[in-house]
């Protein structure tokens, strides 16, 4: 009976954690995701000049710069949120100590 349980547990683990059994699957899937991302950026850079005019290289540079700026703005927003929450925690702790 315990053998059946162990087999059942191994099947569940195999279904939940396939990357532990075959670590090469992660590398292949990451390469494919990178290829898909690159192909999407290139397609955008090629499609935008056809629709709106302009140079392919300018559109590609604009897309890359826009992606960089969006990431930068999100990073700054996250840093500001952490800054505010940290000071709120400090002030809240001081008030809690003073009140109690």
PDB file of N, CA and C in Angstrom:
ATOM      1  N   UNK A   1       0.823  -1.188   0.000  1.00  0.00           N
ATOM      2  CA  UNK A   1       0.000   0.000   0.000  1.00  0.00           C
ATOM      3  C   UNK A   1       0.868   1.252   0.000  1.00  0.00           C
ATOM      4  N   UNK A   2       1.988   1.230   0.745  1.00  0.00           N
ATOM      5  CA  UNK A   2       2.851   2.407   0.790  1.00  0.00           C
ATOM      6  C   UNK A   2       3.544   2.632  -0.555  1.00  0.00           C
ATOM      7  N   UNK A   3       3.793   1.540  -1.313  1.00  0.00           N
ATOM      8  CA  UNK A   3       4.388   1.695  -2.637  1.00  0.00           C
ATOM      9  C   UNK A   3       3.466   2.476  -3.566  1.00  0.00           C
ATOM     10  N   UNK A   4       2.167   2.213  -3.473  1.00  0.00           N
ATOM     11  CA  UNK A   4       1.198   2.918  -4.309  1.00  0.00           C
ATOM     12  C   UNK A   4       1.166   4.402  -3.950  1.00  0.00           C
ATOM     13  N   UNK A   5       1.276   4.697  -2.661  1.00  0.00           N
ATOM     14  CA  UNK A   5       1.290   6.094  -2.227  1.00  0.00           C
ATOM     15  C   UNK A   5       2.524   6.815  -2.762  1.00  0.00           C
ATOM     16  N   UNK A   6       3.681   6.133  -2.697  1.00  0.00           N
ATOM     17  CA  UNK A   6       4.916   6.743  -3.185  1.00  0.00           C
ATOM     18  C   UNK A   6       4.840   6.993  -4.694  1.00  0.00           C
ATOM     19  N   UNK A   7       4.267   6.066  -5.423  1.00  0.00           N
ATOM     20  CA  UNK A   7       4.117   6.249  -6.865  1.00  0.00           C
ATOM     21  C   UNK A   7       3.192   7.423  -7.144  1.00  0.00           C
ATOM     22  N   UNK A   8       2.094   7.502  -6.383  1.00  0.00           N
ATOM     23  CA  UNK A   8       1.164   8.619  -6.540  1.00  0.00           C
ATOM     24  C   UNK A   8       1.818   9.952  -6.228  1.00  0.00           C
ATOM     25  N   UNK A   9       2.644   9.997  -5.189  1.00  0.00           N
ATOM     26  CA  UNK A   9       3.346  11.232  -4.824  1.00  0.00           C
ATOM     27  C   UNK A   9       4.342  11.618  -5.914  1.00  0.00           C
ATOM     28  N   UNK A  10       5.049  10.636  -6.478  1.00  0.00           N
ATOM     29  CA  UNK A  10       6.011  10.928  -7.539  1.00  0.00           C
ATOM     30  C   UNK A  10       5.302  11.488  -8.770  1.00  0.00           C
ATOM     31  N   UNK A  11       4.129  10.942  -9.090  1.00  0.00           N
ATOM     32  CA  UNK A  11       3.388  11.451 -10.235  1.00  0.00           C
ATOM     33  C   UNK A  11       2.954  12.887  -9.993  1.00  0.00           C
ATOM     34  N   UNK A  12       2.488  13.178  -8.770  1.00  0.00           N
ATOM     35  CA  UNK A  12       2.067  14.539  -8.453  1.00  0.00           C
ATOM     36  C   UNK A  12       3.245  15.499  -8.529  1.00  0.00           C
ATOM     37  N   UNK A  13       4.401  15.083  -7.980  1.00  0.00           N
ATOM     38  CA  UNK A  13       5.578  15.931  -8.044  1.00  0.00           C
ATOM     39  C   UNK A  13       6.015  16.153  -9.479  1.00  0.00           C
ATOM     40  N   UNK A  14       5.919  15.095 -10.280  1.00  0.00           N
ATOM     41  CA  UNK A  14       6.333  15.216 -11.668  1.00  0.00           C
ATOM     42  C   UNK A  14       5.426  16.186 -12.424  1.00  0.00           C
ATOM     43  N   UNK A  15       4.150  16.184 -12.103  1.00  0.00           N
ATOM     44  CA  UNK A  15       3.228  17.088 -12.764  1.00  0.00           C
ATOM     45  C   UNK A  15       3.407  18.530 -12.285  1.00  0.00           C
ATOM     46  N   UNK A  16       3.699  18.707 -11.014  1.00  0.00           N
ATOM     47  CA  UNK A  16       3.818  20.060 -10.466  1.00  0.00           C
ATOM     48  C   UNK A  16       5.173  20.693 -10.770  1.00  0.00           C
ATOM     49  N   UNK A  17       6.221  19.923 -10.761  1.00  0.00           N
ATOM     50  CA  UNK A  17       7.573  20.463 -10.880  1.00  0.00           C
ATOM     51  C   UNK A  17       8.335  19.803 -12.031  1.00  0.00           C
ATOM     52  N   UNK A  18       7.943  20.033 -13.258  1.00  0.00           N
ATOM     53  CA  UNK A  18       8.641  19.353 -14.354  1.00  0.00           C
ATOM     54  C   UNK A  18      10.065  19.841 -14.548  1.00  0.00           C
ATOM     55  N   UNK A  19      10.352  21.102 -14.154  1.00  0.00           N
ATOM     56  CA  UNK A  19      11.692  21.618 -14.365  1.00  0.00           C
ATOM     57  C   UNK A  19      12.718  20.955 -13.461  1.00  0.00           C
ATOM     58  N   UNK A  20      12.283  20.340 -12.352  1.00  0.00           N
ATOM     59  CA  UNK A  20      13.231  19.645 -11.492  1.00  0.00           C
ATOM     60  C   UNK A  20      13.669  18.325 -12.116  1.00  0.00           C
ATOM     61  N   UNK A  21      12.804  17.764 -12.938  1.00  0.00           N
ATOM     62  CA  UNK A  21      13.149  16.499 -13.572  1.00  0.00           C
ATOM     63  C   UNK A  21      13.966  16.715 -14.828  1.00  0.00           C
ATOM     64  N   UNK A  22      13.715  17.818 -15.534  1.00  0.00           N
ATOM     65  CA  UNK A  22      14.450  18.099 -16.761  1.00  0.00           C
ATOM     66  C   UNK A  22      14.833  19.583 -16.767  1.00  0.00           C
ATOM     67  N   UNK A  23      16.018  19.917 -16.259  1.00  0.00           N
ATOM     68  CA  UNK A  23      16.390  21.331 -16.167  1.00  0.00           C
ATOM     69  C   UNK A  23      16.612  22.000 -17.523  1.00  0.00           C
ATOM     70  N   UNK A  24      16.746  21.225 -18.597  1.00  0.00           N
ATOM     71  CA  UNK A  24      16.970  21.808 -19.916  1.00  0.00           C
ATOM     72  C   UNK A  24      15.708  22.450 -20.485  1.00  0.00           C
ATOM     73  N   UNK A  25      14.551  22.082 -19.955  1.00  0.00           N
ATOM     74  CA  UNK A  25      13.308  22.662 -20.449  1.00  0.00           C
ATOM     75  C   UNK A  25      13.238  24.151 -20.143  1.00  0.00           C
ATOM     76  N   UNK A  26      13.777  24.555 -19.006  1.00  0.00           N
ATOM     77  CA  UNK A  26      13.753  25.974 -18.646  1.00  0.00           C
ATOM     78  C   UNK A  26      14.592  26.767 -19.639  1.00  0.00           C
ATOM     79  N   UNK A  27      15.772  26.289 -19.941  1.00  0.00           N
ATOM     80  CA  UNK A  27      16.650  27.009 -20.856  1.00  0.00           C
ATOM     81  C   UNK A  27      16.006  27.146 -22.232  1.00  0.00           C
ATOM     82  N   UNK A  28      15.386  26.095 -22.703  1.00  0.00           N
ATOM     83  CA  UNK A  28      14.753  26.143 -24.017  1.00  0.00           C
ATOM     84  C   UNK A  28      13.573  27.097 -24.017  1.00  0.00           C
ATOM     85  N   UNK A  29      12.770  27.075 -22.951  1.00  0.00           N
ATOM     86  CA  UNK A  29      11.602  27.952 -22.921  1.00  0.00           C
ATOM     87  C   UNK A  29      12.024  29.409 -22.792  1.00  0.00           C
ATOM     88  N   UNK A  30      13.100  29.685 -22.051  1.00  0.00           N
ATOM     89  CA  UNK A  30      13.569  31.064 -21.936  1.00  0.00           C
ATOM     90  C   UNK A  30      14.108  31.568 -23.270  1.00  0.00           C
ATOM     91  N   UNK A  31      14.799  30.705 -24.008  1.00  0.00           N
ATOM     92  CA  UNK A  31      15.301  31.096 -25.326  1.00  0.00           C
ATOM     93  C   UNK A  31      14.144  31.387 -26.266  1.00  0.00           C
ATOM     94  N   UNK A  32      13.105  30.558 -26.198  1.00  0.00           N
ATOM     95  CA  UNK A  32      11.957  30.766 -27.074  1.00  0.00           C
ATOM     96  C   UNK A  32      11.238  32.059 -26.708  1.00  0.00           C
ATOM     97  N   UNK A  33      11.101  32.333 -25.406  1.00  0.00           N
ATOM     98  CA  UNK A  33      10.454  33.575 -24.993  1.00  0.00           C
ATOM     99  C   UNK A  33      11.251  34.780 -25.486  1.00  0.00           C
ATOM    100  N   UNK A  34      12.567  34.705 -25.396  1.00  0.00           N
ATOM    101  CA  UNK A  34      13.406  35.796 -25.871  1.00  0.00           C
ATOM    102  C   UNK A  34      13.245  35.976 -27.375  1.00  0.00           C
ATOM    103  N   UNK A  35      13.189  34.878 -28.105  1.00  0.00           N
ATOM    104  CA  UNK A  35      12.994  34.973 -29.553  1.00  0.00           C
ATOM    105  C   UNK A  35      11.645  35.594 -29.887  1.00  0.00           C
ATOM    106  N   UNK A  36      10.610  35.203 -29.144  1.00  0.00           N
ATOM    107  CA  UNK A  36       9.288  35.783 -29.385  1.00  0.00           C
ATOM    108  C   UNK A  36       9.288  37.273 -29.096  1.00  0.00           C
ATOM    109  N   UNK A  37       9.931  37.678 -28.004  1.00  0.00           N
ATOM    110  CA  UNK A  37       9.990  39.101 -27.667  1.00  0.00           C
ATOM    111  C   UNK A  37      10.718  39.892 -28.754  1.00  0.00           C
ATOM    112  N   UNK A  38      11.839  39.369 -29.187  1.00  0.00           N
ATOM    113  CA  UNK A  38      12.611  40.059 -30.224  1.00  0.00           C
ATOM    114  C   UNK A  38      11.800  40.146 -31.509  1.00  0.00           C
ATOM    115  N   UNK A  39      11.128  39.061 -31.862  1.00  0.00           N
ATOM    116  CA  UNK A  39      10.344  39.084 -33.100  1.00  0.00           C
ATOM    117  C   UNK A  39       9.180  40.066 -33.002  1.00  0.00           C
ATOM    118  N   UNK A  40       8.571  40.200 -31.839  1.00  0.00           N
ATOM    119  CA  UNK A  40       7.487  41.172 -31.665  1.00  0.00           C
ATOM    120  C   UNK A  40       8.010  42.586 -31.832  1.00  0.00           C
ATOM    121  N   UNK A  41       9.172  42.887 -31.234  1.00  0.00           N
ATOM    122  CA  UNK A  41       9.734  44.242 -31.354  1.00  0.00           C
ATOM    123  C   UNK A  41      10.093  44.549 -32.810  1.00  0.00           C
ATOM    124  N   UNK A  42      10.647  43.566 -33.489  1.00  0.00           N
ATOM    125  CA  UNK A  42      11.011  43.779 -34.901  1.00  0.00           C
ATOM    126  C   UNK A  42       9.764  43.963 -35.753  1.00  0.00           C
ATOM    127  N   UNK A  43       8.731  43.181 -35.498  1.00  0.00           N
ATOM    128  CA  UNK A  43       7.486  43.338 -36.255  1.00  0.00           C
ATOM    129  C   UNK A  43       6.867  44.713 -36.019  1.00  0.00           C
ATOM    130  N   UNK A  44       6.891  45.166 -34.787  1.00  0.00           N
ATOM    131  CA  UNK A  44       6.388  46.514 -34.508  1.00  0.00           C
ATOM    132  C   UNK A  44       7.207  47.564 -35.243  1.00  0.00           C
ATOM    133  N   UNK A  45       8.524  47.387 -35.205  1.00  0.00           N
ATOM    134  CA  UNK A  45       9.395  48.359 -35.871  1.00  0.00           C
ATOM    135  C   UNK A  45       9.195  48.337 -37.381  1.00  0.00           C
ATOM    136  N   UNK A  46       8.810  47.210 -37.948  1.00  0.00           N
ATOM    137  CA  UNK A  46       8.571  47.136 -39.385  1.00  0.00           C
ATOM    138  C   UNK A  46       7.159  47.581 -39.757  1.00  0.00           C
ATOM    139  N   UNK A  47       6.187  47.312 -38.886  1.00  0.00           N
ATOM    140  CA  UNK A  47       4.799  47.641 -39.211  1.00  0.00           C
ATOM    141  C   UNK A  47       4.512  49.129 -39.045  1.00  0.00           C
ATOM    142  N   UNK A  48       5.094  49.765 -38.051  1.00  0.00           N
ATOM    143  CA  UNK A  48       4.805  51.181 -37.795  1.00  0.00           C
ATOM    144  C   UNK A  48       5.219  52.088 -38.950  1.00  0.00           C
ATOM    145  N   UNK A  49       6.386  51.927 -39.541  1.00  0.00           N
ATOM    146  CA  UNK A  49       6.706  52.789 -40.691  1.00  0.00           C
ATOM    147  C   UNK A  49       5.770  52.576 -41.876  1.00  0.00           C
ATOM    148  N   UNK A  50       5.303  51.351 -42.057  1.00  0.00           N
ATOM    149  CA  UNK A  50       4.384  51.102 -43.156  1.00  0.00           C
ATOM    150  C   UNK A  50       3.050  51.823 -42.933  1.00  0.00           C
ATOM    151  N   UNK A  51       2.617  51.877 -41.677  1.00  0.00           N
ATOM    152  CA  UNK A  51       1.336  52.509 -41.373  1.00  0.00           C
ATOM    153  C   UNK A  51       1.446  54.024 -41.237  1.00  0.00           C
ATOM    154  N   UNK A  52       2.488  54.483 -40.568  1.00  0.00           N
ATOM    155  CA  UNK A  52       2.586  55.908 -40.237  1.00  0.00           C
ATOM    156  C   UNK A  52       3.721  56.624 -40.948  1.00  0.00           C
ATOM    157  N   UNK A  53       4.568  55.920 -41.629  1.00  0.00           N
ATOM    158  CA  UNK A  53       5.703  56.526 -42.315  1.00  0.00           C
ATOM    159  C   UNK A  53       6.897  56.686 -41.390  1.00  0.00           C
ATOM    160  N   UNK A  54       8.037  57.007 -41.959  1.00  0.00           N
ATOM    161  CA  UNK A  54       9.250  57.176 -41.172  1.00  0.00           C
ATOM    162  C   UNK A  54      10.220  56.043 -41.414  1.00  0.00           C
ATOM    163  N   UNK A  55      11.316  56.103 -40.706  1.00  0.00           N
ATOM    164  CA  UNK A  55      12.374  55.121 -40.863  1.00  0.00           C
ATOM    165  C   UNK A  55      12.161  53.934 -39.915  1.00  0.00           C
ATOM    166  N   UNK A  56      12.543  52.760 -40.381  1.00  0.00           N
ATOM    167  CA  UNK A  56      12.457  51.561 -39.539  1.00  0.00           C
ATOM    168  C   UNK A  56      13.360  51.709 -38.320  1.00  0.00           C
ATOM    169  N   UNK A  57      14.551  52.251 -38.543  1.00  0.00           N
ATOM    170  CA  UNK A  57      15.504  52.383 -37.447  1.00  0.00           C
ATOM    171  C   UNK A  57      15.022  53.379 -36.403  1.00  0.00           C
ATOM    172  N   UNK A  58      14.373  54.448 -36.841  1.00  0.00           N
ATOM    173  CA  UNK A  58      13.831  55.413 -35.884  1.00  0.00           C
ATOM    174  C   UNK A  58      12.699  54.799 -35.062  1.00  0.00           C
ATOM    175  N   UNK A  59      11.855  54.016 -35.716  1.00  0.00           N
ATOM    176  CA  UNK A  59      10.789  53.359 -34.976  1.00  0.00           C
ATOM    177  C   UNK A  59      11.359  52.353 -33.981  1.00  0.00           C
ATOM    178  N   UNK A  60      12.358  51.597 -34.395  1.00  0.00           N
ATOM    179  CA  UNK A  60      12.972  50.623 -33.488  1.00  0.00           C
ATOM    180  C   UNK A  60      13.627  51.332 -32.309  1.00  0.00           C
ATOM    181  N   UNK A  61      14.342  52.421 -32.574  1.00  0.00           N
ATOM    182  CA  UNK A  61      14.958  53.194 -31.484  1.00  0.00           C
ATOM    183  C   UNK A  61      13.886  53.792 -30.579  1.00  0.00           C
ATOM    184  N   UNK A  62      12.797  54.270 -31.170  1.00  0.00           N
ATOM    185  CA  UNK A  62      11.711  54.832 -30.366  1.00  0.00           C
ATOM    186  C   UNK A  62      11.041  53.798 -29.486  1.00  0.00           C
ATOM    187  N   UNK A  63      10.849  52.610 -30.033  1.00  0.00           N
ATOM    188  CA  UNK A  63      10.239  51.531 -29.250  1.00  0.00           C
ATOM    189  C   UNK A  63      11.149  51.142 -28.092  1.00  0.00           C
ATOM    190  N   UNK A  64      12.447  51.014 -28.365  1.00  0.00           N
ATOM    191  CA  UNK A  64      13.394  50.648 -27.301  1.00  0.00           C
ATOM    192  C   UNK A  64      13.488  51.748 -26.246  1.00  0.00           C
ATOM    193  N   UNK A  65      13.506  53.005 -26.689  1.00  0.00           N
ATOM    194  CA  UNK A  65      13.564  54.115 -25.740  1.00  0.00           C
ATOM    195  C   UNK A  65      12.287  54.186 -24.912  1.00  0.00           C
ATOM    196  N   UNK A  66      11.145  53.959 -25.555  1.00  0.00           N
ATOM    197  CA  UNK A  66       9.878  53.960 -24.824  1.00  0.00           C
ATOM    198  C   UNK A  66       9.822  52.858 -23.788  1.00  0.00           C
ATOM    199  N   UNK A  67      10.318  51.695 -24.149  1.00  0.00           N
ATOM    200  CA  UNK A  67      10.356  50.579 -23.204  1.00  0.00           C
ATOM    201  C   UNK A  67      11.259  50.927 -22.014  1.00  0.00           C
ATOM    202  N   UNK A  68      12.397  51.542 -22.296  1.00  0.00           N
ATOM    203  CA  UNK A  68      13.313  51.943 -21.231  1.00  0.00           C
ATOM    204  C   UNK A  68      12.673  52.989 -20.318  1.00  0.00           C
ATOM    205  N   UNK A  69      12.002  53.974 -20.912  1.00  0.00           N
ATOM    206  CA  UNK A  69      11.377  55.030 -20.113  1.00  0.00           C
ATOM    207  C   UNK A  69      10.242  54.492 -19.252  1.00  0.00           C
ATOM    208  N   UNK A  70       9.462  53.575 -19.788  1.00  0.00           N
ATOM    209  CA  UNK A  70       8.380  52.990 -18.992  1.00  0.00           C
ATOM    210  C   UNK A  70       8.937  52.215 -17.809  1.00  0.00           C
ATOM    211  N   UNK A  71       9.990  51.435 -18.048  1.00  0.00           N
ATOM    212  CA  UNK A  71      10.617  50.705 -16.938  1.00  0.00           C
ATOM    213  C   UNK A  71      11.195  51.660 -15.903  1.00  0.00           C
ATOM    214  N   UNK A  72      11.804  52.755 -16.371  1.00  0.00           N
ATOM    215  CA  UNK A  72      12.380  53.738 -15.465  1.00  0.00           C
ATOM    216  C   UNK A  72      11.297  54.401 -14.627  1.00  0.00           C
ATOM    217  N   UNK A  73      10.198  54.773 -15.252  1.00  0.00           N
ATOM    218  CA  UNK A  73       9.100  55.404 -14.513  1.00  0.00           C
ATOM    219  C   UNK A  73       8.487  54.447 -13.500  1.00  0.00           C
ATOM    220  N   UNK A  74       8.320  53.185 -13.864  1.00  0.00           N
ATOM    221  CA  UNK A  74       7.783  52.213 -12.913  1.00  0.00           C
ATOM    222  C   UNK A  74       8.749  51.983 -11.747  1.00  0.00           C
ATOM    223  N   UNK A  75      10.034  51.971 -12.027  1.00  0.00           N
ATOM    224  CA  UNK A  75      11.028  51.808 -10.962  1.00  0.00           C
ATOM    225  C   UNK A  75      11.000  53.002 -10.018  1.00  0.00           C
ATOM    226  N   UNK A  76      10.908  54.202 -10.564  1.00  0.00           N
ATOM    227  CA  UNK A  76      10.853  55.400  -9.732  1.00  0.00           C
ATOM    228  C   UNK A  76       9.580  55.409  -8.888  1.00  0.00           C
ATOM    229  N   UNK A  77       8.447  55.031  -9.486  1.00  0.00           N
ATOM    230  CA  UNK A  77       7.190  54.983  -8.738  1.00  0.00           C
ATOM    231  C   UNK A  77       7.269  53.971  -7.600  1.00  0.00           C
ATOM    232  N   UNK A  78       7.883  52.834  -7.851  1.00  0.00           N
ATOM    233  CA  UNK A  78       8.047  51.831  -6.799  1.00  0.00           C
ATOM    234  C   UNK A  78       8.962  52.344  -5.698  1.00  0.00           C
ATOM    235  N   UNK A  79      10.026  53.031  -6.067  1.00  0.00           N
ATOM    236  CA  UNK A  79      10.949  53.578  -5.070  1.00  0.00           C
ATOM    237  C   UNK A  79      10.249  54.628  -4.210  1.00  0.00           C
ATOM    238  N   UNK A  80       9.427  55.469  -4.821  1.00  0.00           N
ATOM    239  CA  UNK A  80       8.696  56.480  -4.052  1.00  0.00           C
ATOM    240  C   UNK A  80       7.712  55.817  -3.100  1.00  0.00           C
ATOM    241  N   UNK A  81       7.024  54.780  -3.567  1.00  0.00           N
ATOM    242  CA  UNK A  81       6.075  54.077  -2.705  1.00  0.00           C
ATOM    243  C   UNK A  81       6.778  53.432  -1.517  1.00  0.00           C
ATOM    244  N   UNK A  82       7.933  52.814  -1.750  1.00  0.00           N
ATOM    245  CA  UNK A  82       8.694  52.205  -0.651  1.00  0.00           C
ATOM    246  C   UNK A  82       9.183  53.278   0.313  1.00  0.00           C
ATOM    247  N   UNK A  83       9.609  54.418  -0.215  1.00  0.00           N
ATOM    248  CA  UNK A  83      10.070  55.539   0.606  1.00  0.00           C
ATOM    249  C   UNK A  83       8.949  56.024   1.520  1.00  0.00           C
ATOM    250  N   UNK A  84       7.769  56.225   0.958  1.00  0.00           N
ATOM    251  CA  UNK A  84       6.637  56.719   1.746  1.00  0.00           C
ATOM    252  C   UNK A  84       6.225  55.695   2.791  1.00  0.00           C
ATOM    253  N   UNK A  85       6.168  54.431   2.407  1.00  0.00           N
ATOM    254  CA  UNK A  85       5.779  53.395   3.369  1.00  0.00           C
ATOM    255  C   UNK A  85       6.805  53.238   4.486  1.00  0.00           C
ATOM    256  N   UNK A  86       8.080  53.403   4.172  1.00  0.00           N
ATOM    257  CA  UNK A  86       9.116  53.313   5.199  1.00  0.00           C
ATOM    258  C   UNK A  86       8.968  54.434   6.217  1.00  0.00           C
ATOM    259  N   UNK A  87       8.771  55.657   5.734  1.00  0.00           N
ATOM    260  CA  UNK A  87       8.596  56.768   6.664  1.00  0.00           C
ATOM    261  C   UNK A  87       7.290  56.646   7.433  1.00  0.00           C
ATOM    262  N   UNK A  88       6.242  56.127   6.817  1.00  0.00           N
ATOM    263  CA  UNK A  88       4.992  55.902   7.543  1.00  0.00           C
ATOM    264  C   UNK A  88       5.196  54.882   8.648  1.00  0.00           C
ATOM    265  N   UNK A  89       5.990  53.860   8.382  1.00  0.00           N
ATOM    266  CA  UNK A  89       6.287  52.856   9.404  1.00  0.00           C
ATOM    267  C   UNK A  89       7.085  53.466  10.550  1.00  0.00           C
ATOM    268  N   UNK A  90       8.074  54.283  10.220  1.00  0.00           N
ATOM    269  CA  UNK A  90       8.888  54.919  11.260  1.00  0.00           C
ATOM    270  C   UNK A  90       8.037  55.848  12.114  1.00  0.00           C
ATOM    271  N   UNK A  91       7.241  56.705  11.487  1.00  0.00           N
ATOM    272  CA  UNK A  91       6.398  57.638  12.228  1.00  0.00           C
ATOM    273  C   UNK A  91       5.351  56.884  13.037  1.00  0.00           C
ATOM    274  N   UNK A  92       4.769  55.842  12.444  1.00  0.00           N
ATOM    275  CA  UNK A  92       3.790  55.041  13.164  1.00  0.00           C
ATOM    276  C   UNK A  92       4.386  54.351  14.372  1.00  0.00           C
ATOM    277  N   UNK A  93       5.611  53.849  14.241  1.00  0.00           N
ATOM    278  CA  UNK A  93       6.290  53.211  15.369  1.00  0.00           C
ATOM    279  C   UNK A  93       6.572  54.214  16.476  1.00  0.00           C
ATOM    280  N   UNK A  94       7.026  55.390  16.121  1.00  0.00           N
ATOM    281  CA  UNK A  94       7.310  56.419  17.131  1.00  0.00           C
ATOM    282  C   UNK A  94       6.029  56.816  17.844  1.00  0.00           C
ATOM    283  N   UNK A  95       4.951  57.041  17.099  1.00  0.00           N
ATOM    284  CA  UNK A  95       3.669  57.401  17.734  1.00  0.00           C
ATOM    285  C   UNK A  95       3.151  56.258  18.605  1.00  0.00           C
ATOM    286  N   UNK A  96       3.309  55.033  18.151  1.00  0.00           N
ATOM    287  CA  UNK A  96       2.855  53.890  18.934  1.00  0.00           C
ATOM    288  C   UNK A  96       3.617  53.805  20.257  1.00  0.00           C
ATOM    289  N   UNK A  97       4.938  54.060  20.199  1.00  0.00           N
ATOM    290  CA  UNK A  97       5.739  54.045  21.428  1.00  0.00           C
ATOM    291  C   UNK A  97       5.362  55.200  22.356  1.00  0.00           C
ATOM    292  N   UNK A  98       5.072  56.354  21.816  1.00  0.00           N
ATOM    293  CA  UNK A  98       4.707  57.507  22.636  1.00  0.00           C
ATOM    294  C   UNK A  98       3.329  57.331  23.265  1.00  0.00           C
ATOM    295  N   UNK A  99       2.392  56.759  22.531  1.00  0.00           N
ATOM    296  CA  UNK A  99       1.035  56.608  23.042  1.00  0.00           C
ATOM    297  C   UNK A  99       0.966  55.508  24.106  1.00  0.00           C
ATOM    298  N   UNK A 100       1.691  54.431  23.871  1.00  0.00           N
ATOM    299  CA  UNK A 100       1.627  53.324  24.843  1.00  0.00           C
ATOM    300  C   UNK A 100       2.677  53.514  25.893  1.00  0.00           C
TER     301      UNK A 100
END
